Every structure is written in C-alpha cells, then in structure tokens.
C-alpha atoms as a PDB file:
ATOM      1  CA  UNK A   1     -46.974 -15.089  -7.407  1.00  0.00           C
ATOM      2  CA  UNK A   2     -48.997 -12.659  -9.533  1.00  0.00           C
ATOM      3  CA  UNK A   3     -49.157 -12.694 -13.318  1.00  0.00           C
ATOM      4  CA  UNK A   4     -46.570 -10.539 -15.060  1.00  0.00           C
ATOM      5  CA  UNK A   5     -48.087  -8.190 -17.622  1.00  0.00           C
ATOM      6  CA  UNK A   6     -45.714  -5.219 -17.472  1.00  0.00           C
ATOM      7  CA  UNK A   7     -41.918  -5.257 -17.585  1.00  0.00           C
ATOM      8  CA  UNK A   8     -39.715  -2.234 -16.943  1.00  0.00           C
ATOM      9  CA  UNK A   9     -36.095  -2.217 -18.061  1.00  0.00           C
ATOM     10  CA  UNK A  10     -33.781   0.277 -16.363  1.00  0.00           C
ATOM     11  CA  UNK A  11     -30.864   1.255 -18.589  1.00  0.00           C
ATOM     12  CA  UNK A  12     -31.253   1.912 -22.327  1.00  0.00           C
ATOM     13  CA  UNK A  13     -27.827   0.826 -23.525  1.00  0.00           C
ATOM     14  CA  UNK A  14     -27.255  -2.035 -25.952  1.00  0.00           C
ATOM     15  CA  UNK A  15     -28.358  -4.663 -23.456  1.00  0.00           C
ATOM     16  CA  UNK A  16     -31.308  -2.799 -21.958  1.00  0.00           C
ATOM     17  CA  UNK A  17     -32.765  -1.806 -25.321  1.00  0.00           C
ATOM     18  CA  UNK A  18     -32.329  -5.388 -26.526  1.00  0.00           C
ATOM     19  CA  UNK A  19     -34.230  -6.766 -23.531  1.00  0.00           C
ATOM     20  CA  UNK A  20     -36.976  -4.180 -24.086  1.00  0.00           C
ATOM     21  CA  UNK A  21     -37.323  -5.381 -27.695  1.00  0.00           C
ATOM     22  CA  UNK A  22     -37.611  -8.980 -26.566  1.00  0.00           C
ATOM     23  CA  UNK A  23     -40.201  -8.124 -23.904  1.00  0.00           C
ATOM     24  CA  UNK A  24     -42.352  -6.085 -26.293  1.00  0.00           C
ATOM     25  CA  UNK A  25     -42.216  -8.773 -28.983  1.00  0.00           C
ATOM     26  CA  UNK A  26     -43.330 -11.349 -26.401  1.00  0.00           C
ATOM     27  CA  UNK A  27     -46.473  -9.335 -25.702  1.00  0.00           C
ATOM     28  CA  UNK A  28     -45.500  -7.607 -22.464  1.00  0.00           C
ATOM     29  CA  UNK A  29     -46.271  -3.945 -21.904  1.00  0.00           C
ATOM     30  CA  UNK A  30     -42.712  -2.645 -21.706  1.00  0.00           C
ATOM     31  CA  UNK A  31     -41.123   0.464 -20.232  1.00  0.00           C
ATOM     32  CA  UNK A  32     -37.548   1.436 -21.108  1.00  0.00           C
ATOM     33  CA  UNK A  33     -35.997   3.905 -18.670  1.00  0.00           C
ATOM     34  CA  UNK A  34     -32.782   5.883 -18.794  1.00  0.00           C
ATOM     35  CA  UNK A  35     -31.817   9.200 -17.214  1.00  0.00           C
ATOM     36  CA  UNK A  36     -29.829  10.151 -20.313  1.00  0.00           C
ATOM     37  CA  UNK A  37     -32.134  11.528 -23.029  1.00  0.00           C
ATOM     38  CA  UNK A  38     -29.517  11.011 -25.746  1.00  0.00           C
ATOM     39  CA  UNK A  39     -29.121   7.333 -24.835  1.00  0.00           C
ATOM     40  CA  UNK A  40     -32.895   6.936 -24.710  1.00  0.00           C
ATOM     41  CA  UNK A  41     -33.396   8.527 -28.135  1.00  0.00           C
ATOM     42  CA  UNK A  42     -30.655   6.355 -29.610  1.00  0.00           C
ATOM     43  CA  UNK A  43     -32.289   3.254 -28.089  1.00  0.00           C
ATOM     44  CA  UNK A  44     -35.654   4.093 -29.639  1.00  0.00           C
ATOM     45  CA  UNK A  45     -34.035   4.779 -33.010  1.00  0.00           C
ATOM     46  CA  UNK A  46     -32.160   1.467 -32.922  1.00  0.00           C
ATOM     47  CA  UNK A  47     -35.217  -0.537 -31.847  1.00  0.00           C
ATOM     48  CA  UNK A  48     -37.382   1.030 -34.562  1.00  0.00           C
ATOM     49  CA  UNK A  49     -34.637   0.363 -37.142  1.00  0.00           C
ATOM     50  CA  UNK A  50     -34.347  -3.274 -36.052  1.00  0.00           C
ATOM     51  CA  UNK A  51     -38.075  -3.852 -36.383  1.00  0.00           C
ATOM     52  CA  UNK A  52     -38.175  -2.113 -39.763  1.00  0.00           C
ATOM     53  CA  UNK A  53     -35.337  -4.368 -40.908  1.00  0.00           C
ATOM     54  CA  UNK A  54     -37.393  -7.404 -39.879  1.00  0.00           C
ATOM     55  CA  UNK A  55     -40.342  -5.966 -41.802  1.00  0.00           C
ATOM     56  CA  UNK A  56     -38.185  -5.451 -44.906  1.00  0.00           C
ATOM     57  CA  UNK A  57     -37.010  -9.069 -44.709  1.00  0.00           C
ATOM     58  CA  UNK A  58     -40.570 -10.341 -44.404  1.00  0.00           C
ATOM     59  CA  UNK A  59     -40.006 -11.758 -40.921  1.00  0.00           C
ATOM     60  CA  UNK A  60     -42.799  -9.615 -39.479  1.00  0.00           C
ATOM     61  CA  UNK A  61     -45.722  -7.788 -41.119  1.00  0.00           C
ATOM     62  CA  UNK A  62     -46.986  -4.234 -40.721  1.00  0.00           C
ATOM     63  CA  UNK A  63     -49.483  -5.310 -38.073  1.00  0.00           C
ATOM     64  CA  UNK A  64     -46.676  -6.914 -36.039  1.00  0.00           C
ATOM     65  CA  UNK A  65     -44.578  -3.760 -36.329  1.00  0.00           C
ATOM     66  CA  UNK A  66     -47.367  -1.513 -35.099  1.00  0.00           C
ATOM     67  CA  UNK A  67     -48.187  -3.889 -32.254  1.00  0.00           C
ATOM     68  CA  UNK A  68     -44.554  -4.075 -31.116  1.00  0.00           C
ATOM     69  CA  UNK A  69     -44.233  -0.291 -31.184  1.00  0.00           C
ATOM     70  CA  UNK A  70     -47.420   0.115 -29.152  1.00  0.00           C
ATOM     71  CA  UNK A  71     -46.097  -2.306 -26.533  1.00  0.00           C
ATOM     72  CA  UNK A  72     -43.121  -0.162 -25.535  1.00  0.00           C
ATOM     73  CA  UNK A  73     -42.723   3.317 -24.112  1.00  0.00           C
ATOM     74  CA  UNK A  74     -39.635   5.316 -23.293  1.00  0.00           C
ATOM     75  CA  UNK A  75     -39.095   7.471 -20.213  1.00  0.00           C
ATOM     76  CA  UNK A  76     -36.413   9.451 -18.413  1.00  0.00           C
ATOM     77  CA  UNK A  77     -38.481   9.650 -15.206  1.00  0.00           C
ATOM     78  CA  UNK A  78     -37.684   7.178 -12.435  1.00  0.00           C
ATOM     79  CA  UNK A  79     -41.232   7.444 -11.062  1.00  0.00           C
ATOM     80  CA  UNK A  80     -42.456   5.796 -14.287  1.00  0.00           C
ATOM     81  CA  UNK A  81     -40.565   2.626 -13.325  1.00  0.00           C
ATOM     82  CA  UNK A  82     -43.559   0.791 -11.898  1.00  0.00           C
ATOM     83  CA  UNK A  83     -44.205  -2.706 -13.219  1.00  0.00           C
ATOM     84  CA  UNK A  84     -44.773  -6.354 -12.341  1.00  0.00           C
ATOM     85  CA  UNK A  85     -41.154  -7.165 -13.208  1.00  0.00           C
ATOM     86  CA  UNK A  86     -38.267  -4.711 -13.276  1.00  0.00           C
ATOM     87  CA  UNK A  87     -34.979  -5.681 -14.918  1.00  0.00           C
ATOM     88  CA  UNK A  88     -31.941  -3.532 -14.127  1.00  0.00           C
ATOM     89  CA  UNK A  89     -29.359  -3.215 -16.909  1.00  0.00           C
ATOM     90  CA  UNK A  90     -27.221  -0.268 -15.835  1.00  0.00           C
ATOM     91  CA  UNK A  91     -23.498   0.197 -15.207  1.00  0.00           C
ATOM     92  CA  UNK A  92     -21.718  -2.771 -13.588  1.00  0.00           C
ATOM     93  CA  UNK A  93     -21.152  -0.994 -10.264  1.00  0.00           C
ATOM     94  CA  UNK A  94     -22.486  -2.320  -6.947  1.00  0.00           C
ATOM     95  CA  UNK A  95     -23.307   1.094  -5.450  1.00  0.00           C
ATOM     96  CA  UNK A  96     -25.184   2.260  -8.545  1.00  0.00           C
ATOM     97  CA  UNK A  97     -27.246  -0.921  -8.636  1.00  0.00           C
ATOM     98  CA  UNK A  98     -28.119  -0.962  -4.928  1.00  0.00           C
ATOM     99  CA  UNK A  99     -29.087   2.730  -5.004  1.00  0.00           C
ATOM    100  CA  UNK A 100     -31.396   2.073  -7.955  1.00  0.00           C
ATOM    101  CA  UNK A 101     -33.005  -0.991  -6.371  1.00  0.00           C
ATOM    102  CA  UNK A 102     -33.654   0.842  -3.111  1.00  0.00           C
ATOM    103  CA  UNK A 103     -35.457   3.558  -5.085  1.00  0.00           C
ATOM    104  CA  UNK A 104     -37.422   0.941  -7.025  1.00  0.00           C
ATOM    105  CA  UNK A 105     -38.507  -0.716  -3.775  1.00  0.00           C
ATOM    106  CA  UNK A 106     -40.026   2.578  -2.638  1.00  0.00           C
ATOM    107  CA  UNK A 107     -41.908   3.009  -5.922  1.00  0.00           C
ATOM    108  CA  UNK A 108     -43.316  -0.510  -6.254  1.00  0.00           C
ATOM    109  CA  UNK A 109     -45.501  -2.882  -4.208  1.00  0.00           C
ATOM    110  CA  UNK A 110     -43.968  -5.880  -2.449  1.00  0.00           C
ATOM    111  CA  UNK A 111     -45.072  -8.325  -5.162  1.00  0.00           C
ATOM    112  CA  UNK A 112     -43.026  -6.586  -7.889  1.00  0.00           C
ATOM    113  CA  UNK A 113     -40.119  -8.826  -8.879  1.00  0.00           C
ATOM    114  CA  UNK A 114     -36.739  -7.097  -9.026  1.00  0.00           C
ATOM    115  CA  UNK A 115     -34.104  -8.610 -11.293  1.00  0.00           C
ATOM    116  CA  UNK A 116     -30.534  -7.629 -12.104  1.00  0.00           C
ATOM    117  CA  UNK A 117     -28.942  -8.279 -15.464  1.00  0.00           C
ATOM    118  CA  UNK A 118     -25.522  -8.163 -13.793  1.00  0.00           C
ATOM    119  CA  UNK A 119     -23.019 -10.468 -15.427  1.00  0.00           C
ATOM    120  CA  UNK A 120     -20.710 -10.807 -12.449  1.00  0.00           C
ATOM    121  CA  UNK A 121     -21.710  -8.916  -9.278  1.00  0.00           C
ATOM    122  CA  UNK A 122     -22.919 -11.222  -6.508  1.00  0.00           C
ATOM    123  CA  UNK A 123     -26.710 -11.443  -6.293  1.00  0.00           C
ATOM    124  CA  UNK A 124     -26.407 -12.017  -2.537  1.00  0.00           C
ATOM    125  CA  UNK A 125     -24.243  -8.911  -2.233  1.00  0.00           C
ATOM    126  CA  UNK A 126     -26.901  -6.757  -3.868  1.00  0.00           C
ATOM    127  CA  UNK A 127     -29.731  -8.486  -1.984  1.00  0.00           C
ATOM    128  CA  UNK A 128     -28.307  -7.639   1.427  1.00  0.00           C
ATOM    129  CA  UNK A 129     -29.045  -3.969   0.723  1.00  0.00           C
ATOM    130  CA  UNK A 130     -32.721  -4.624  -0.062  1.00  0.00           C
ATOM    131  CA  UNK A 131     -35.723  -4.618   2.242  1.00  0.00           C
ATOM    132  CA  UNK A 132     -37.305  -7.651   0.557  1.00  0.00           C
ATOM    133  CA  UNK A 133     -34.531  -9.893  -0.837  1.00  0.00           C
ATOM    134  CA  UNK A 134     -36.948 -12.799  -1.405  1.00  0.00           C
ATOM    135  CA  UNK A 135     -38.232 -11.110  -4.598  1.00  0.00           C
ATOM    136  CA  UNK A 136     -34.768 -10.331  -5.935  1.00  0.00           C
ATOM    137  CA  UNK A 137     -33.033 -12.455  -8.572  1.00  0.00           C
ATOM    138  CA  UNK A 138     -30.361 -12.396 -11.250  1.00  0.00           C
ATOM    139  CA  UNK A 139     -31.737 -12.423 -14.809  1.00  0.00           C
ATOM    140  CA  UNK A 140     -28.720 -12.314 -17.077  1.00  0.00           C
ATOM    141  CA  UNK A 141     -29.326 -11.936 -20.818  1.00  0.00           C
ATOM    142  CA  UNK A 142     -26.551 -12.077 -23.410  1.00  0.00           C
ATOM    143  CA  UNK A 143     -25.655  -9.686 -26.225  1.00  0.00           C
ATOM    144  CA  UNK A 144     -27.320  -9.233 -28.605  1.00  0.00           C
ATOM    145  CA  UNK A 145     -30.385  -9.936 -26.455  1.00  0.00           C
ATOM    146  CA  UNK A 146     -32.889 -10.260 -29.346  1.00  0.00           C
ATOM    147  CA  UNK A 147     -30.741 -13.003 -30.902  1.00  0.00           C
ATOM    148  CA  UNK A 148     -29.094 -14.910 -28.045  1.00  0.00           C
ATOM    149  CA  UNK A 149     -31.377 -17.586 -26.599  1.00  0.00           C
ATOM    150  CA  UNK A 150     -29.737 -18.127 -23.224  1.00  0.00           C
ATOM    151  CA  UNK A 151     -30.776 -16.414 -19.996  1.00  0.00           C
ATOM    152  CA  UNK A 152     -29.057 -17.221 -16.706  1.00  0.00           C
ATOM    153  CA  UNK A 153     -31.493 -17.090 -13.782  1.00  0.00           C
ATOM    154  CA  UNK A 154     -29.329 -16.618 -10.709  1.00  0.00           C
ATOM    155  CA  UNK A 155     -30.919 -17.622  -7.424  1.00  0.00           C
ATOM    156  CA  UNK A 156     -29.721 -15.825  -4.320  1.00  0.00           C
ATOM    157  CA  UNK A 157     -29.807 -17.359  -0.856  1.00  0.00           C
ATOM    158  CA  UNK A 158     -33.099 -15.593  -0.096  1.00  0.00           C
ATOM    159  CA  UNK A 159     -34.764 -15.748  -3.528  1.00  0.00           C
ATOM    160  CA  UNK A 160     -38.270 -17.238  -3.354  1.00  0.00           C
ATOM    161  CA  UNK A 161     -38.693 -20.457  -5.354  1.00  0.00           C
ATOM    162  CA  UNK A 162     -41.955 -19.130  -6.814  1.00  0.00           C
ATOM    163  CA  UNK A 163     -40.011 -16.214  -8.300  1.00  0.00           C
ATOM    164  CA  UNK A 164     -37.677 -18.651 -10.026  1.00  0.00           C
ATOM    165  CA  UNK A 165     -40.578 -20.694 -11.412  1.00  0.00           C
ATOM    166  CA  UNK A 166     -42.364 -17.600 -12.718  1.00  0.00           C
ATOM    167  CA  UNK A 167     -39.244 -16.215 -14.409  1.00  0.00           C
ATOM    168  CA  UNK A 168     -38.613 -19.531 -16.140  1.00  0.00           C
ATOM    169  CA  UNK A 169     -42.112 -19.261 -17.635  1.00  0.00           C
ATOM    170  CA  UNK A 170     -41.449 -15.649 -18.695  1.00  0.00           C
ATOM    171  CA  UNK A 171     -38.208 -16.665 -20.395  1.00  0.00           C
ATOM    172  CA  UNK A 172     -40.085 -19.378 -22.262  1.00  0.00           C
ATOM    173  CA  UNK A 173     -42.690 -16.846 -23.418  1.00  0.00           C
ATOM    174  CA  UNK A 174     -39.830 -14.650 -24.653  1.00  0.00           C
ATOM    175  CA  UNK A 175     -38.462 -17.571 -26.658  1.00  0.00           C
ATOM    176  CA  UNK A 176     -35.453 -17.898 -24.375  1.00  0.00           C
ATOM    177  CA  UNK A 177     -33.767 -20.888 -22.777  1.00  0.00           C
ATOM    178  CA  UNK A 178     -33.470 -20.359 -19.030  1.00  0.00           C
ATOM    179  CA  UNK A 179     -30.663 -21.982 -17.056  1.00  0.00           C
ATOM    180  CA  UNK A 180     -30.968 -21.779 -13.282  1.00  0.00           C
ATOM    181  CA  UNK A 181     -27.813 -21.449 -11.215  1.00  0.00           C
ATOM    182  CA  UNK A 182     -26.798 -20.447  -7.708  1.00  0.00           C
ATOM    183  CA  UNK A 183     -24.949 -17.242  -6.974  1.00  0.00           C
ATOM    184  CA  UNK A 184     -21.224 -17.769  -7.687  1.00  0.00           C
ATOM    185  CA  UNK A 185     -18.380 -15.687  -9.205  1.00  0.00           C
ATOM    186  CA  UNK A 186     -19.141 -15.176 -12.905  1.00  0.00           C
ATOM    187  CA  UNK A 187     -22.205 -17.442 -12.582  1.00  0.00           C
ATOM    188  CA  UNK A 188     -21.854 -20.054 -15.363  1.00  0.00           C
ATOM    189  CA  UNK A 189     -21.171 -18.380 -18.689  1.00  0.00           C
ATOM    190  CA  UNK A 190     -18.844 -15.575 -17.635  1.00  0.00           C
ATOM    191  CA  UNK A 191     -16.823 -17.980 -15.516  1.00  0.00           C
ATOM    192  CA  UNK A 192     -16.273 -20.160 -18.574  1.00  0.00           C
ATOM    193  CA  UNK A 193     -16.076 -17.345 -21.148  1.00  0.00           C
ATOM    194  CA  UNK A 194     -13.220 -15.437 -19.471  1.00  0.00           C
ATOM    195  CA  UNK A 195     -10.753 -17.653 -21.333  1.00  0.00           C
ATOM    196  CA  UNK A 196     -12.360 -16.826 -24.684  1.00  0.00           C
ATOM    197  CA  UNK A 197     -11.436 -13.183 -24.188  1.00  0.00           C
ATOM    198  CA  UNK A 198      -8.264 -13.457 -22.095  1.00  0.00           C
ATOM    199  CA  UNK A 199      -6.549 -16.110 -24.227  1.00  0.00           C
ATOM    200  CA  UNK A 200      -7.256 -14.180 -27.427  1.00  0.00           C
ATOM    201  CA  UNK A 201      -5.630 -11.039 -26.002  1.00  0.00           C
ATOM    202  CA  UNK A 202      -2.735 -13.083 -24.614  1.00  0.00           C
ATOM    203  CA  UNK A 203      -2.162 -14.603 -28.074  1.00  0.00           C
ATOM    204  CA  UNK A 204      -2.075 -11.166 -29.669  1.00  0.00           C
ATOM    205  CA  UNK A 205       0.326  -9.791 -27.026  1.00  0.00           C
ATOM    206  CA  UNK A 206       2.563 -12.861 -27.264  1.00  0.00           C
ATOM    207  CA  UNK A 207       2.785 -12.553 -31.050  1.00  0.00           C
ATOM    208  CA  UNK A 208       3.756  -8.892 -30.741  1.00  0.00           C
ATOM    209  CA  UNK A 209       6.501  -9.721 -28.216  1.00  0.00           C
ATOM    210  CA  UNK A 210       7.928 -12.231 -30.699  1.00  0.00           C
ATOM    211  CA  UNK A 211       7.909  -9.714 -33.536  1.00  0.00           C
ATOM    212  CA  UNK A 212       4.989 -11.428 -35.249  1.00  0.00           C
ATOM    213  CA  UNK A 213       1.713  -9.954 -36.436  1.00  0.00           C
ATOM    214  CA  UNK A 214      -1.590 -11.333 -35.182  1.00  0.00           C
ATOM    215  CA  UNK A 215      -4.392  -8.820 -35.294  1.00  0.00           C
ATOM    216  CA  UNK A 216      -7.924  -8.999 -33.803  1.00  0.00           C
ATOM    217  CA  UNK A 217      -9.526  -9.542 -37.217  1.00  0.00           C
ATOM    218  CA  UNK A 218      -7.414 -12.658 -37.857  1.00  0.00           C
ATOM    219  CA  UNK A 219      -8.330 -14.219 -34.514  1.00  0.00           C
ATOM    220  CA  UNK A 220     -12.002 -13.345 -34.967  1.00  0.00           C
ATOM    221  CA  UNK A 221     -11.994 -14.851 -38.473  1.00  0.00           C
ATOM    222  CA  UNK A 222     -10.515 -18.129 -37.204  1.00  0.00           C
ATOM    223  CA  UNK A 223     -13.013 -18.477 -34.355  1.00  0.00           C
ATOM    224  CA  UNK A 224     -16.093 -17.565 -36.378  1.00  0.00           C
ATOM    225  CA  UNK A 225     -14.948 -20.097 -38.991  1.00  0.00           C
ATOM    226  CA  UNK A 226     -14.993 -22.792 -36.291  1.00  0.00           C
ATOM    227  CA  UNK A 227     -18.629 -22.061 -35.404  1.00  0.00           C
ATOM    228  CA  UNK A 228     -18.639 -19.147 -32.953  1.00  0.00           C
ATOM    229  CA  UNK A 229     -21.246 -16.511 -33.847  1.00  0.00           C
ATOM    230  CA  UNK A 230     -18.798 -13.709 -33.037  1.00  0.00           C
ATOM    231  CA  UNK A 231     -15.073 -13.559 -32.469  1.00  0.00           C
ATOM    232  CA  UNK A 232     -13.780 -12.476 -29.043  1.00  0.00           C
ATOM    233  CA  UNK A 233     -12.711  -8.999 -30.175  1.00  0.00           C
ATOM    234  CA  UNK A 234     -15.983  -8.357 -31.999  1.00  0.00           C
ATOM    235  CA  UNK A 235     -17.848  -9.477 -28.894  1.00  0.00           C
ATOM    236  CA  UNK A 236     -15.803  -7.305 -26.516  1.00  0.00           C
ATOM    237  CA  UNK A 237     -16.526  -4.290 -28.729  1.00  0.00           C
ATOM    238  CA  UNK A 238     -20.249  -5.103 -28.712  1.00  0.00           C
ATOM    239  CA  UNK A 239     -20.481  -5.693 -24.965  1.00  0.00           C
ATOM    240  CA  UNK A 240     -18.393  -2.618 -24.146  1.00  0.00           C
ATOM    241  CA  UNK A 241     -14.754  -2.693 -23.125  1.00  0.00           C
ATOM    242  CA  UNK A 242     -15.446  -1.200 -19.700  1.00  0.00           C
ATOM    243  CA  UNK A 243     -18.132  -3.763 -18.922  1.00  0.00           C
ATOM    244  CA  UNK A 244     -16.150  -6.742 -20.182  1.00  0.00           C
ATOM    245  CA  UNK A 245     -12.998  -5.642 -18.380  1.00  0.00           C
ATOM    246  CA  UNK A 246     -14.994  -5.019 -15.204  1.00  0.00           C
ATOM    247  CA  UNK A 247     -16.385  -8.556 -15.303  1.00  0.00           C
ATOM    248  CA  UNK A 248     -12.879  -9.976 -15.720  1.00  0.00           C
ATOM    249  CA  UNK A 249     -11.680  -7.975 -12.717  1.00  0.00           C
ATOM    250  CA  UNK A 250     -14.618  -9.097 -10.534  1.00  0.00           C
ATOM    251  CA  UNK A 251     -14.182 -12.782 -11.397  1.00  0.00           C
ATOM    252  CA  UNK A 252     -10.391 -12.532 -10.932  1.00  0.00           C
ATOM    253  CA  UNK A 253     -10.752 -10.964  -7.479  1.00  0.00           C
ATOM    254  CA  UNK A 254     -13.586 -13.251  -6.354  1.00  0.00           C
ATOM    255  CA  UNK A 255     -11.644 -16.415  -7.197  1.00  0.00           C
ATOM    256  CA  UNK A 256      -8.469 -15.381  -5.379  1.00  0.00           C
ATOM    257  CA  UNK A 257      -6.583 -13.790  -8.286  1.00  0.00           C
ATOM    258  CA  UNK A 258      -5.418 -16.902 -10.185  1.00  0.00           C
ATOM    259  CA  UNK A 259      -2.836 -16.101 -12.869  1.00  0.00           C
ATOM    260  CA  UNK A 260      -4.943 -17.772 -15.575  1.00  0.00           C
ATOM    261  CA  UNK A 261      -7.738 -15.226 -15.007  1.00  0.00           C
ATOM    262  CA  UNK A 262      -5.609 -12.092 -14.717  1.00  0.00           C
ATOM    263  CA  UNK A 263      -7.238  -9.229 -16.677  1.00  0.00           C
ATOM    264  CA  UNK A 264      -5.387  -8.176 -19.816  1.00  0.00           C
ATOM    265  CA  UNK A 265      -3.282  -4.979 -19.840  1.00  0.00           C
ATOM    266  CA  UNK A 266      -4.358  -4.537 -23.474  1.00  0.00           C
ATOM    267  CA  UNK A 267      -7.977  -4.215 -22.428  1.00  0.00           C
ATOM    268  CA  UNK A 268      -7.094  -2.060 -19.423  1.00  0.00           C
ATOM    269  CA  UNK A 269      -5.389   0.394 -21.779  1.00  0.00           C
ATOM    270  CA  UNK A 270      -8.404   0.458 -24.079  1.00  0.00           C
ATOM    271  CA  UNK A 271     -10.623   1.376 -21.135  1.00  0.00           C
ATOM    272  CA  UNK A 272      -8.170   4.055 -19.964  1.00  0.00           C
ATOM    273  CA  UNK A 273      -8.149   5.573 -23.469  1.00  0.00           C
ATOM    274  CA  UNK A 274     -11.934   5.607 -23.688  1.00  0.00           C
ATOM    275  CA  UNK A 275     -11.875   3.080 -26.530  1.00  0.00           C
ATOM    276  CA  UNK A 276     -14.927   1.194 -25.297  1.00  0.00           C
ATOM    277  CA  UNK A 277     -16.052  -0.427 -28.527  1.00  0.00           C
ATOM    278  CA  UNK A 278     -19.157   0.280 -30.587  1.00  0.00           C
ATOM    279  CA  UNK A 279     -20.675   2.692 -28.087  1.00  0.00           C
ATOM    280  CA  UNK A 280     -17.635   5.016 -28.242  1.00  0.00           C
ATOM    281  CA  UNK A 281     -16.918   4.546 -31.958  1.00  0.00           C
ATOM    282  CA  UNK A 282     -13.612   2.752 -31.393  1.00  0.00           C
ATOM    283  CA  UNK A 283     -12.438  -0.365 -29.590  1.00  0.00           C
ATOM    284  CA  UNK A 284     -10.462  -3.130 -31.239  1.00  0.00           C
ATOM    285  CA  UNK A 285     -12.219  -1.936 -34.403  1.00  0.00           C
ATOM    286  CA  UNK A 286     -13.302   1.481 -35.704  1.00  0.00           C
ATOM    287  CA  UNK A 287     -17.039   2.192 -36.064  1.00  0.00           C
END
C-alpha cells in the first residue's frame, strides 16, 4: 500500500471535526468537508478555539498552533475530497453513506483507502455497494475524538490485510490505540455500551413509575464518581440523541430484538421532539 500523507474527513459535525483535529495534529495534510456552510464554519471555530485553549494552557506553543492550522483546510465542495485516506463521518444512514462512497470512488484513484466512522452499520453491507470493497474498512473513533484513545478498525469480508496494517500504523501516529475486529452488530464497544445508556434510562423511568425522583444529573454524578469520564446522559447529549438512538435500534434489530436491548421510549421521545443534545441546544440537559 502507498504512504498516507493526506486525509479527508467527510462530515464536519462533532465527530468529523474532532477527527480532523487529530489528523492535523499528527502531521497529516487534512481536508474537512461538509455541504453545510454553517456546520463547516462552526467546525472551524471550534477547532481554532480548542487549539487556542491548548496554547493558553501551555500544552502547545505558537509554532505548534500555526503548524496545526496550516495542516487543515475546510471545503463545501465534494470534488475537493481527494486524498490518500478518506474517513466518512456523516449521518448514520446506509443510503447516505453508500451514495457518498460511490461518489468518492469516482473522484479518487483505486489506491485511496475509504473508511467509515459508522458506529453500527455493517461494513459488509456498505461494501457490497462499492466497486472496490477491498480498500474499504470501518474506522470508528469515539467522542470526543481528540481525547478518546480507542479506535475500532472493523475488517469487512473483502478488506485487504494491507489496508488493516496501514491503518494500525496511522492510528499509532495519531496517538490512538487501534483494536481490530470483524464486522458484527455494534462491533465491540457499542455492543457492550448499549447497557450503559439503556439501563440508565430504564432506572430513571422505573423511579418515575414508583413516584421517586432520579434525574440524569444524579446518575451521571454517580457514574463519573466511580471512574467513568462521562455519565451516560452527558455522553448521549455529546454524541447526539438521534445518532445514539439510531445505534441502539440497529443493534436491537440485528441481534433479533432481545428485550434487554430494546431502545428506550425516553430517548425516542427526545428524538421526536428535536432534543438532540448539544448540537440542538437541548437534550437531557440545556446548553
């Protein structure tokens, strides 16, 4: 496989902008793409603010800041999405992802690696829509991407072993810990983590049914006190209610709808009301 010098990230939401930060800091020429100019401008503002905060804390110097900023560019033009590695971080919808990847295949040579940051959609399911599935892989970062060390590298049935080896090296250069897994519902982390979210919402609903009060802040406080970096409700708000609920639904359906993994009506109502968390200004908390 060729050397990766440029990385394009498609989708400038919380996850995409976080991955772009990580890539730029690791020395890759980075492109952050989004069709929505408002989202793109917000991403640039947030990235610049994050780096300035690091500068203020003395964690980077002025030279680092200028170098990081020079390593990344922002675009709303799909034709600019040409790179050695392209990481998709858009809406968690199969059709949207496959449409994007088909367009990216037309724009890029055969040796460009295509990766999806999907947290739950089958890598094999996406790959079957592609002309060259051997270069396609799952590369799942976790929020917030600049902080969380883990990256799941999800190998599809047709993914070339050399692609997997190269991406492990890229993760290492980014300061990440790569865990390789086969394509399976929820992969590793989201399969395990469903209970972190679902049980917390079940506890809150159960307390309410019994006339007791147990709010999200109380549950989050207990779990962060036991060592978790973020409580389940804080994390759902950060990830986005629609995304988190969508993952729960995909895992639930893929595993035969076991009762223990049934998506929460509380979260379904939040999504229906447009209370998606930080990105909408309200979720379990107000922002």
